[in-house]
N, C-alpha and C. Protein backbone atom coordinates (compact mmCIF):
# COMPACT_ATOMS: atom_id res chain seq x y z
N ARG A 1 8.65 20.75 -2.66
CA ARG A 1 7.93 19.93 -2.79
C ARG A 1 7.33 19.30 -1.78
N LYS A 2 7.79 19.14 -0.46
CA LYS A 2 6.89 19.13 0.86
C LYS A 2 5.83 19.46 0.58
N ALA A 3 5.89 21.15 0.96
CA ALA A 3 4.74 21.84 0.76
C ALA A 3 3.84 22.18 -0.10
N MET A 4 4.19 21.67 -1.80
CA MET A 4 3.38 21.27 -2.56
C MET A 4 2.72 20.21 -2.42
N ALA A 5 3.23 19.11 -1.69
CA ALA A 5 2.18 18.22 -1.64
C ALA A 5 1.16 18.12 -0.39
N GLU A 6 1.78 18.70 0.63
CA GLU A 6 0.94 19.43 1.89
C GLU A 6 -0.26 20.19 1.38
N SER A 7 -0.11 20.98 0.71
CA SER A 7 -1.01 22.06 0.19
C SER A 7 -2.21 20.67 -1.25
N GLU A 8 -1.49 20.14 -2.01
CA GLU A 8 -2.91 19.40 -2.43
C GLU A 8 -3.48 18.40 -1.87
N LEU A 9 -2.64 17.97 -0.74
CA LEU A 9 -3.25 16.84 0.27
C LEU A 9 -4.56 17.71 1.04
N GLU A 10 -4.09 18.61 1.82
CA GLU A 10 -5.28 19.48 2.39
C GLU A 10 -6.65 19.77 1.22
N LYS A 11 -6.22 20.30 0.11
CA LYS A 11 -7.01 20.53 -0.95
C LYS A 11 -8.25 19.23 -1.20
N ALA A 12 -7.13 17.61 -0.95
CA ALA A 12 -8.11 16.51 -1.06
C ALA A 12 -8.72 16.13 0.14
N LEU A 13 -8.22 16.54 1.19
CA LEU A 13 -9.00 16.16 2.43
C LEU A 13 -10.20 16.82 2.42
N GLN A 14 -10.26 18.61 2.42
CA GLN A 14 -11.40 19.23 2.04
C GLN A 14 -12.36 18.94 1.51
N GLN A 15 -12.04 18.01 0.36
CA GLN A 15 -13.05 17.88 -0.81
C GLN A 15 -13.69 16.56 -0.22
N LEU A 16 -12.76 15.87 0.49
CA LEU A 16 -13.34 14.66 1.11
C LEU A 16 -14.27 15.03 2.37
N ARG A 17 -13.93 15.75 3.25
CA ARG A 17 -14.94 16.43 4.16
C ARG A 17 -16.34 17.04 3.60
N ASN A 18 -16.07 17.52 2.51
CA ASN A 18 -16.97 18.10 1.80
C ASN A 18 -17.70 16.95 1.10
N GLY A 19 -17.98 15.81 1.44
CA GLY A 19 -18.28 14.94 0.68
C GLY A 19 -18.13 14.64 -0.73
N GLY A 20 -17.11 14.74 -1.02
CA GLY A 20 -16.92 14.68 -2.60
C GLY A 20 -16.23 13.30 -2.60
N ASP A 21 -16.25 12.35 -3.83
CA ASP A 21 -16.36 10.94 -4.35
C ASP A 21 -14.86 10.57 -4.10
N ALA A 22 -14.50 9.71 -3.25
CA ALA A 22 -13.51 9.45 -2.54
C ALA A 22 -12.51 9.06 -4.25
N GLU A 23 -12.75 8.19 -4.88
CA GLU A 23 -12.13 7.84 -5.77
C GLU A 23 -12.04 9.10 -6.95
N GLN A 24 -12.77 9.93 -6.85
CA GLN A 24 -12.57 10.70 -7.70
C GLN A 24 -11.65 11.96 -7.31
N VAL A 25 -11.47 12.31 -6.12
CA VAL A 25 -11.00 13.26 -5.29
C VAL A 25 -9.34 12.72 -5.46
N LEU A 26 -9.12 11.19 -5.23
CA LEU A 26 -7.93 10.56 -5.00
C LEU A 26 -7.12 11.09 -6.58
N ARG A 27 -7.92 10.61 -7.40
CA ARG A 27 -7.74 10.69 -9.39
C ARG A 27 -6.85 12.54 -9.00
N ARG A 28 -7.79 13.17 -8.59
CA ARG A 28 -7.41 14.66 -9.22
C ARG A 28 -6.27 14.71 -8.40
N PHE A 29 -6.17 14.22 -7.15
CA PHE A 29 -5.30 14.58 -6.35
C PHE A 29 -3.80 13.57 -6.54
N GLN A 30 -3.83 12.79 -7.33
CA GLN A 30 -2.83 12.28 -8.18
C GLN A 30 -2.38 12.88 -9.20
N HIS A 31 -3.32 13.44 -10.23
CA HIS A 31 -3.00 13.94 -11.50
C HIS A 31 -2.24 15.17 -10.87
N SER A 32 -2.86 16.55 -10.07
CA SER A 32 -1.98 17.45 -10.01
C SER A 32 -0.88 17.33 -9.44
N LEU A 33 -0.85 16.55 -8.08
CA LEU A 33 0.52 16.54 -7.91
C LEU A 33 1.83 16.07 -9.01
N VAL A 34 1.32 15.07 -9.45
CA VAL A 34 2.04 14.71 -10.78
C VAL A 34 2.25 15.73 -11.51
N ASN A 35 1.75 16.39 -12.05
CA ASN A 35 1.81 17.30 -12.92
C ASN A 35 2.74 18.53 -12.25
N LYS A 36 2.35 19.22 -10.71
CA LYS A 36 3.05 20.00 -10.63
C LYS A 36 4.53 19.44 -10.02
N TRP A 37 4.63 18.54 -10.01
CA TRP A 37 6.16 17.85 -9.57
C TRP A 37 6.84 17.69 -11.27
N LEU A 38 6.44 17.51 -12.32
CA LEU A 38 7.04 17.51 -13.33
C LEU A 38 7.21 18.81 -14.35
N HIS A 39 6.65 19.54 -13.69
CA HIS A 39 6.41 20.87 -14.58
C HIS A 39 7.71 21.40 -14.64
N SER A 40 8.21 22.09 -13.68
CA SER A 40 9.88 22.39 -13.75
C SER A 40 10.72 21.52 -14.29
N PRO A 41 10.58 19.98 -14.27
CA PRO A 41 11.81 19.25 -15.22
C PRO A 41 11.27 19.63 -16.69
N SER A 42 9.93 19.59 -16.87
CA SER A 42 9.78 19.27 -18.27
C SER A 42 10.10 20.79 -19.07
N VAL A 43 10.07 22.02 -18.13
CA VAL A 43 10.22 23.07 -18.82
C VAL A 43 12.01 23.47 -18.92
N THR A 44 12.58 22.74 -18.26
CA THR A 44 13.82 22.22 -18.17
C THR A 44 14.48 21.52 -19.09
N LEU A 45 13.72 20.47 -19.48
CA LEU A 45 14.29 19.30 -20.56
C LEU A 45 13.87 20.04 -22.15
N ARG A 46 12.56 20.88 -21.91
CA ARG A 46 12.29 21.63 -23.43
C ARG A 46 13.39 22.52 -23.57
N LYS A 47 13.66 23.55 -22.47
CA LYS A 47 15.04 24.30 -22.75
C LYS A 47 16.16 23.75 -23.67
N MET A 48 16.68 22.74 -22.77
CA MET A 48 17.48 21.93 -22.96
C MET A 48 17.66 21.63 -24.54
N ALA A 49 16.57 21.31 -24.98
CA ALA A 49 16.21 20.76 -26.28
C ALA A 49 16.29 21.85 -27.24
N ALA A 50 15.78 23.02 -26.92
CA ALA A 50 15.74 24.06 -27.99
C ALA A 50 16.97 24.77 -28.02
N ASP A 51 18.21 24.39 -26.82
CA ASP A 51 19.42 24.76 -26.77
C ASP A 51 20.23 23.72 -27.41
N GLY A 52 19.77 22.70 -28.12
CA GLY A 52 20.41 21.83 -28.84
C GLY A 52 21.68 21.02 -27.88
N ARG A 53 21.03 20.72 -26.79
CA ARG A 53 22.11 20.36 -25.52
C ARG A 53 21.33 19.01 -25.83
N ALA A 54 22.11 17.86 -26.67
CA ALA A 54 21.58 16.24 -26.71
C ALA A 54 21.96 15.41 -25.56
N GLU A 55 23.01 15.66 -25.48
CA GLU A 55 23.81 15.25 -24.35
C GLU A 55 23.29 15.11 -23.33
N ALA A 56 22.87 16.31 -22.71
CA ALA A 56 22.20 16.51 -21.29
C ALA A 56 20.73 15.80 -21.35
N LEU A 57 20.24 15.44 -22.64
CA LEU A 57 18.91 14.90 -22.82
C LEU A 57 18.85 13.71 -22.93
N LEU A 58 20.31 12.88 -23.55
CA LEU A 58 20.33 11.66 -23.45
C LEU A 58 20.64 11.66 -21.92
N LEU A 59 21.16 11.89 -21.11
CA LEU A 59 21.55 11.43 -19.63
C LEU A 59 20.22 11.73 -18.74
N ALA A 60 19.25 12.85 -19.47
CA ALA A 60 18.40 12.43 -18.46
C ALA A 60 17.13 11.20 -18.64
N ARG A 61 17.16 11.41 -20.25
CA ARG A 61 16.34 10.23 -20.45
C ARG A 61 16.59 8.84 -19.80
N GLU A 62 18.40 8.46 -19.79
CA GLU A 62 18.59 7.22 -19.04
C GLU A 62 18.26 7.42 -17.33
N LEU A 63 18.59 8.37 -17.11
CA LEU A 63 17.57 8.66 -15.36
C LEU A 63 16.36 8.26 -15.52
N LEU A 64 15.65 9.14 -16.13
CA LEU A 64 14.24 9.15 -15.81
C LEU A 64 13.51 8.03 -16.42
N LEU A 65 13.91 7.14 -17.57
CA LEU A 65 13.02 6.12 -17.88
C LEU A 65 13.74 4.78 -17.86
N ASP A 66 12.83 4.15 -17.31
CA ASP A 66 13.47 2.72 -17.03
C ASP A 66 13.39 1.95 -18.20
N ASP A 67 13.98 0.66 -18.34
CA ASP A 67 14.61 -0.13 -19.14
C ASP A 67 13.82 -0.27 -20.69
N ASP A 68 12.31 -0.84 -19.85
CA ASP A 68 11.22 -0.88 -20.76
C ASP A 68 10.88 0.08 -21.69
N GLN A 69 11.09 1.64 -21.34
CA GLN A 69 11.05 2.61 -22.09
C GLN A 69 11.87 3.09 -23.14
N SER A 70 13.29 2.85 -23.03
CA SER A 70 14.50 3.65 -23.36
C SER A 70 14.73 2.69 -24.65
């Protein structure tokens, strides 16, 4: 994950060096990083759902969602 974050940060810094709009660059950086971090867990959760592993999905929900969302 650290390498992924470093790579995304370097892309954002390069865009800023090239005169990119700071707010737009930061929003893209955030969006890209969150998407990359969540990709693998999302794939795993979809597989668990397809395999009928409800208990694992409930545990994941408890761990990942705060009280207001559960």
